[in-house]
């Protein structure tokens, strides 16, 4: 998948009067080049590509009772051109959480299910960044949880930055932010949390890729060695089509080598991302022709 970098359009000359190549920031869907471009664009958090990832995290070994927490993240990414040189990338994470809760002895295990705290991030990124691609902007924590077990009850804000490069078949980068609480319930603990995700992807043939995307976190308000969560692991993914819809499928497993007491020992992450690349002129004509044939094949309606 292409990054935010734009390639100059090819100009016809005496030897080559063909059509100009599409810009790298607008990957096409039905070509080998388009598949490779989609691979890189899905791996670039600030790519000029609309996508809707749906990511399920099963976190094993959560207290009480060494049970399983489940977090389903719906996280659309929408690029908006704000000038000829700059893009605004809106990345909005909406978590739907199942959280095990304590139960009285001899009673069935119970849990709370609902919406967690939403996390929107707004990246400003250059359209022509060169070999080093970057974006920076604010991240917010919105106290939208439907239950006290599912969120922190605080409005938070902080800086976020992403830096990456994509040499050859590789994508190498980091995404980091820190959120401080600025308002919210006075009965809830203050928030001062750091997140660092490094991502390494190696793209294979036929849309397959190997991925490492561990997310390290630190709770600076915690004590007694409960500050850091440090996972190790990775997974496998593929760019493909479901019908006419391009998607990216990934499966990953992570073990937390360091983690606070009572938090997950390991995680299984499954994701499907719906991708919306720009269609080429030829693809648009093919779709229009297909629709016209469908209309012609329909029997005439009787008055």
Protein backbone atom coordinates (compact mmCIF):
# COMPACT_ATOMS: atom_id res chain seq x y z
CA UNK A 1 0.00 0.00 0.00
CA UNK A 2 1.26 3.42 -0.81
CA UNK A 3 2.25 6.04 1.67
CA UNK A 4 1.39 9.72 1.53
CA UNK A 5 4.15 10.25 -1.00
CA UNK A 6 2.98 11.34 -4.44
CA UNK A 7 4.78 10.36 -7.61
CA UNK A 8 4.84 12.89 -10.47
CA UNK A 9 2.60 11.94 -13.33
CA UNK A 10 4.38 10.53 -16.38
CA UNK A 11 4.44 12.88 -19.30
CA UNK A 12 4.07 11.55 -22.85
CA UNK A 13 7.03 11.98 -25.13
CA UNK A 14 8.07 10.71 -28.52
CA UNK A 15 8.91 7.23 -27.21
CA UNK A 16 6.11 6.75 -24.74
CA UNK A 17 2.66 8.23 -25.18
CA UNK A 18 0.95 5.99 -22.62
CA UNK A 19 -1.27 7.14 -19.84
CA UNK A 20 0.19 8.63 -16.70
CA UNK A 21 0.66 6.28 -13.81
CA UNK A 22 -1.66 6.70 -10.81
CA UNK A 23 -0.30 8.50 -7.80
CA UNK A 24 1.20 6.29 -5.12
CA UNK A 25 -1.12 7.71 -2.50
CA UNK A 26 -4.15 6.41 -4.42
CA UNK A 27 -3.62 2.64 -4.79
CA UNK A 28 -5.71 0.77 -7.30
CA UNK A 29 -7.35 -2.46 -6.30
CA UNK A 30 -7.23 -4.95 -9.17
CA UNK A 31 -3.54 -5.12 -10.16
CA UNK A 32 -0.43 -6.74 -8.73
CA UNK A 33 0.97 -3.26 -8.23
CA UNK A 34 -2.27 -2.30 -6.51
CA UNK A 35 -1.98 -5.25 -4.12
CA UNK A 36 1.57 -4.28 -3.20
CA UNK A 37 0.45 -0.67 -2.76
CA UNK A 38 -2.43 -1.75 -0.51
CA UNK A 39 -0.04 -3.82 1.59
CA UNK A 40 2.08 -0.77 2.31
CA UNK A 41 -0.85 1.62 2.76
CA UNK A 42 -2.56 -0.56 5.37
CA UNK A 43 0.74 -0.68 7.25
CA UNK A 44 1.09 3.12 7.18
CA UNK A 45 -0.99 4.81 9.93
CA UNK A 46 -0.99 8.11 7.98
CA UNK A 47 -1.59 6.77 4.47
CA UNK A 48 -4.09 8.61 2.28
CA UNK A 49 -6.50 5.68 2.31
CA UNK A 50 -9.90 5.29 3.91
CA UNK A 51 -10.01 2.11 5.97
CA UNK A 52 -12.24 0.62 8.66
CA UNK A 53 -10.32 -1.89 10.80
CA UNK A 54 -12.34 -4.07 13.18
CA UNK A 55 -9.94 -5.59 15.68
CA UNK A 56 -10.79 -8.14 18.37
CA UNK A 57 -8.39 -8.60 21.31
CA UNK A 58 -8.89 -11.62 23.56
CA UNK A 59 -6.84 -10.99 26.71
CA UNK A 60 -6.20 -14.14 28.72
CA UNK A 61 -5.38 -14.32 32.42
CA UNK A 62 -7.31 -11.31 33.76
CA UNK A 63 -8.33 -11.10 37.40
CA UNK A 64 -10.63 -11.97 39.00
CA UNK A 65 -10.23 -15.71 38.55
CA UNK A 66 -7.68 -15.71 35.70
CA UNK A 67 -10.45 -15.11 33.16
CA UNK A 68 -10.68 -13.65 29.64
CA UNK A 69 -11.31 -10.01 28.84
CA UNK A 70 -12.46 -9.13 25.33
CA UNK A 71 -11.96 -5.78 23.59
CA UNK A 72 -13.45 -5.20 20.13
CA UNK A 73 -11.97 -2.03 18.60
CA UNK A 74 -13.80 -0.36 15.72
CA UNK A 75 -11.25 2.15 14.45
CA UNK A 76 -12.00 3.97 11.17
CA UNK A 77 -9.18 5.99 9.58
CA UNK A 78 -10.26 8.91 7.38
CA UNK A 79 -7.79 11.15 5.47
CA UNK A 80 -8.84 14.72 4.75
CA UNK A 81 -6.88 16.99 2.42
CA UNK A 82 -6.61 20.37 4.13
CA UNK A 83 -4.24 21.94 1.58
CA UNK A 84 -2.14 20.96 -1.40
CA UNK A 85 0.74 20.05 0.93
CA UNK A 86 -0.94 18.68 4.07
CA UNK A 87 -3.37 15.96 5.10
CA UNK A 88 -5.39 15.60 8.28
CA UNK A 89 -5.74 11.94 9.31
CA UNK A 90 -8.57 11.17 11.73
CA UNK A 91 -8.10 7.87 13.59
CA UNK A 92 -11.02 7.12 15.92
CA UNK A 93 -10.93 4.08 18.22
CA UNK A 94 -14.26 2.93 19.67
CA UNK A 95 -13.77 -0.03 22.07
CA UNK A 96 -16.56 -2.45 22.94
CA UNK A 97 -15.45 -4.26 26.08
CA UNK A 98 -16.33 -7.37 28.06
CA UNK A 99 -14.72 -7.04 31.49
CA UNK A 100 -14.86 -9.85 34.11
CA UNK A 101 -15.92 -8.55 37.53
CA UNK A 102 -15.72 -10.07 41.03
CA UNK A 103 -18.50 -12.43 42.04
CA UNK A 104 -19.53 -13.79 45.40
CA UNK A 105 -18.31 -17.31 46.29
CA UNK A 106 -20.60 -20.00 44.92
CA UNK A 107 -22.25 -17.69 42.39
CA UNK A 108 -21.81 -17.76 38.58
CA UNK A 109 -18.98 -15.76 37.09
CA UNK A 110 -20.17 -12.41 35.80
CA UNK A 111 -18.88 -9.49 33.76
CA UNK A 112 -19.77 -6.10 32.36
CA UNK A 113 -20.25 -5.52 28.65
CA UNK A 114 -20.50 -2.18 26.88
CA UNK A 115 -18.74 0.81 25.35
CA UNK A 116 -15.33 1.82 26.70
CA UNK A 117 -13.52 5.18 26.56
CA UNK A 118 -13.14 6.36 22.95
CA UNK A 119 -9.73 7.50 21.69
CA UNK A 120 -9.68 9.88 18.69
CA UNK A 121 -6.33 10.98 17.25
CA UNK A 122 -5.80 13.77 14.71
CA UNK A 123 -2.55 13.52 12.73
CA UNK A 124 -1.24 16.34 10.53
CA UNK A 125 1.01 14.79 7.88
CA UNK A 126 2.74 16.12 4.74
CA UNK A 127 1.53 14.77 1.41
CA UNK A 128 5.11 14.55 0.12
CA UNK A 129 7.21 13.47 3.13
CA UNK A 130 10.14 11.84 1.32
CA UNK A 131 11.62 8.57 2.55
CA UNK A 132 10.75 9.34 6.18
CA UNK A 133 6.97 9.45 6.60
CA UNK A 134 5.58 11.14 9.69
CA UNK A 135 2.50 12.55 11.35
CA UNK A 136 1.85 14.41 14.59
CA UNK A 137 -1.14 15.76 16.47
CA UNK A 138 -3.31 15.50 19.56
CA UNK A 139 -4.88 12.37 21.01
CA UNK A 140 -7.94 12.53 23.25
CA UNK A 141 -9.44 10.14 25.78
CA UNK A 142 -13.21 10.63 26.00
CA UNK A 143 -15.03 9.32 29.11
CA UNK A 144 -17.70 7.49 27.10
CA UNK A 145 -17.66 4.18 29.04
CA UNK A 146 -21.11 2.87 29.87
CA UNK A 147 -19.91 1.35 33.16
CA UNK A 148 -17.23 2.23 35.72
CA UNK A 149 -15.55 -1.15 35.07
CA UNK A 150 -15.14 -0.33 31.35
CA UNK A 151 -13.37 3.05 31.49
CA UNK A 152 -11.39 5.48 33.58
CA UNK A 153 -13.98 8.22 33.98
CA UNK A 154 -11.58 10.96 32.87
CA UNK A 155 -11.23 13.35 29.97
CA UNK A 156 -7.64 13.14 28.75
CA UNK A 157 -5.42 14.81 26.16
CA UNK A 158 -1.84 14.50 25.00
CA UNK A 159 0.55 14.47 22.02
CA UNK A 160 0.82 11.66 19.49
CA UNK A 161 3.43 11.03 16.82
CA UNK A 162 4.07 8.39 14.17
CA UNK A 163 7.31 7.93 12.19
CA UNK A 164 7.95 5.22 9.60
CA UNK A 165 9.87 4.26 6.50
CA UNK A 166 9.04 1.70 3.78
CA UNK A 167 12.18 0.43 2.02
CA UNK A 168 11.52 -2.40 -0.44
CA UNK A 169 9.27 -5.07 1.06
CA UNK A 170 9.61 -3.62 4.57
CA UNK A 171 7.60 -1.23 6.72
CA UNK A 172 9.42 -0.06 9.87
CA UNK A 173 8.00 2.47 12.30
CA UNK A 174 6.81 3.58 15.71
CA UNK A 175 3.66 5.23 17.04
CA UNK A 176 3.74 6.88 20.47
CA UNK A 177 1.50 9.00 22.67
CA UNK A 178 1.02 10.08 26.27
CA UNK A 179 -2.36 10.99 27.77
CA UNK A 180 -2.93 13.08 30.91
CA UNK A 181 -6.34 13.52 32.52
CA UNK A 182 -7.59 17.12 32.59
CA UNK A 183 -11.16 16.68 33.86
CA UNK A 184 -13.58 14.04 35.06
CA UNK A 185 -14.78 12.31 38.18
CA UNK A 186 -12.87 13.39 41.27
CA UNK A 187 -13.37 9.94 42.79
CA UNK A 188 -11.42 8.22 40.00
CA UNK A 189 -7.59 8.04 39.85
CA UNK A 190 -5.72 10.52 37.68
CA UNK A 191 -4.57 9.31 34.27
CA UNK A 192 -0.96 9.58 33.08
CA UNK A 193 -0.41 6.85 30.49
CA UNK A 194 2.23 6.26 27.84
CA UNK A 195 1.83 4.06 24.74
CA UNK A 196 4.50 2.94 22.29
CA UNK A 197 3.74 0.64 19.36
CA UNK A 198 6.59 -0.40 17.11
CA UNK A 199 5.58 -2.09 13.89
CA UNK A 200 7.63 -4.23 11.54
CA UNK A 201 6.07 -5.71 8.41
CA UNK A 202 7.61 -7.79 5.65
CA UNK A 203 5.50 -8.15 2.51
CA UNK A 204 5.42 -11.48 0.68
CA UNK A 205 3.85 -12.54 -2.62
CA UNK A 206 0.11 -12.82 -3.34
CA UNK A 207 -0.79 -10.27 -0.69
CA UNK A 208 0.68 -12.15 2.28
CA UNK A 209 2.77 -10.36 4.91
CA UNK A 210 4.47 -11.07 8.24
CA UNK A 211 3.75 -8.53 10.98
CA UNK A 212 5.02 -7.56 14.42
CA UNK A 213 2.93 -4.89 16.17
CA UNK A 214 3.41 -5.14 19.96
CA UNK A 215 1.98 -2.28 22.03
CA UNK A 216 4.03 -1.29 25.08
CA UNK A 217 2.24 0.75 27.75
CA UNK A 218 3.23 2.49 30.97
CA UNK A 219 0.95 3.73 33.75
CA UNK A 220 3.04 6.44 35.41
CA UNK A 221 0.57 6.63 38.32
CA UNK A 222 1.07 2.96 39.23
CA UNK A 223 3.35 1.74 42.03
CA UNK A 224 5.02 -1.46 43.22
CA UNK A 225 6.38 -2.50 39.83
CA UNK A 226 3.00 -2.32 38.08
CA UNK A 227 3.99 0.41 35.63
CA UNK A 228 4.93 -1.43 32.42
CA UNK A 229 3.25 -3.88 30.05
CA UNK A 230 5.79 -5.29 27.57
CA UNK A 231 4.50 -7.82 25.00
CA UNK A 232 6.43 -9.93 22.49
CA UNK A 233 5.01 -11.74 19.49
CA UNK A 234 3.67 -11.26 15.97
CA UNK A 235 1.51 -12.76 13.30
CA UNK A 236 0.55 -13.22 9.67
CA UNK A 237 -1.77 -11.28 7.36
CA UNK A 238 -3.06 -11.06 3.83
CA UNK A 239 -4.56 -8.49 1.48
CA UNK A 240 -7.41 -10.06 -0.50
CA UNK A 241 -10.94 -9.49 -1.73
CA UNK A 242 -14.29 -10.54 -0.31
CA UNK A 243 -16.42 -10.26 -3.42
CA UNK A 244 -15.50 -6.81 -4.75
CA UNK A 245 -14.38 -5.46 -1.36
CA UNK A 246 -10.61 -5.27 -0.66
CA UNK A 247 -9.79 -6.31 2.91
CA UNK A 248 -6.75 -6.93 5.07
CA UNK A 249 -6.89 -9.96 7.39
CA UNK A 250 -4.42 -10.50 10.24
CA UNK A 251 -3.99 -12.89 13.12
CA UNK A 252 -1.46 -12.19 15.89
CA UNK A 253 -0.41 -13.64 19.25
CA UNK A 254 1.44 -11.79 22.01
CA UNK A 255 2.79 -12.83 25.39
CA UNK A 256 3.30 -10.15 28.03
CA UNK A 257 6.81 -10.67 29.39
CA UNK A 258 6.19 -7.83 31.88
CA UNK A 259 2.73 -6.84 33.08
CA UNK A 260 0.98 -5.50 36.20
CA UNK A 261 -0.55 -7.96 38.64
CA UNK A 262 -3.98 -9.18 37.58
CA UNK A 263 -3.64 -8.03 33.95
CA UNK A 264 -3.47 -10.30 30.86
CA UNK A 265 -0.59 -12.75 30.49
CA UNK A 266 -1.11 -13.07 26.74
CA UNK A 267 -3.33 -11.80 23.92
CA UNK A 268 -4.82 -13.09 20.68
CA UNK A 269 -5.55 -10.31 18.14
CA UNK A 270 -7.73 -10.94 15.09
CA UNK A 271 -8.49 -8.15 12.63
CA UNK A 272 -10.33 -7.47 9.41
CA UNK A 273 -9.81 -4.06 7.81
CA UNK A 274 -12.15 -2.90 5.05
CA UNK A 275 -10.16 -0.89 2.50
CA UNK A 276 -11.47 1.76 0.14
CA UNK A 277 -8.77 2.51 -2.47
CA UNK A 278 -9.38 4.86 -5.35
CA UNK A 279 -10.54 3.01 -8.47
CA UNK A 280 -8.74 3.58 -11.75
CA UNK A 281 -10.62 4.98 -14.75
CA UNK A 282 -10.65 1.52 -16.34
CA UNK A 283 -12.12 -0.05 -13.19
CA UNK A 284 -14.83 2.62 -13.03
CA UNK A 285 -15.75 1.93 -16.67
CA UNK A 286 -15.88 -1.82 -15.98
CA UNK A 287 -18.18 -1.30 -12.98
CA UNK A 288 -20.44 1.02 -14.99
CA UNK A 289 -20.60 -1.49 -17.85
CA UNK A 290 -21.46 -4.27 -15.40
CA UNK A 291 -24.29 -2.21 -13.89
CA UNK A 292 -25.66 -1.37 -17.33
CA UNK A 293 -25.71 -5.06 -18.28
CA UNK A 294 -27.54 -5.87 -15.05
CA UNK A 295 -30.14 -3.21 -15.83
CA UNK A 296 -30.57 -4.52 -19.38
CA UNK A 297 -31.03 -8.06 -18.09
CA UNK A 298 -33.90 -7.05 -15.82
CA UNK A 299 -37.37 -7.80 -17.25
CA UNK A 300 -39.44 -4.70 -18.10
CA UNK A 301 -41.94 -3.66 -15.48
CA UNK A 302 -45.63 -3.96 -16.32
CA UNK A 303 -47.80 -0.88 -15.93
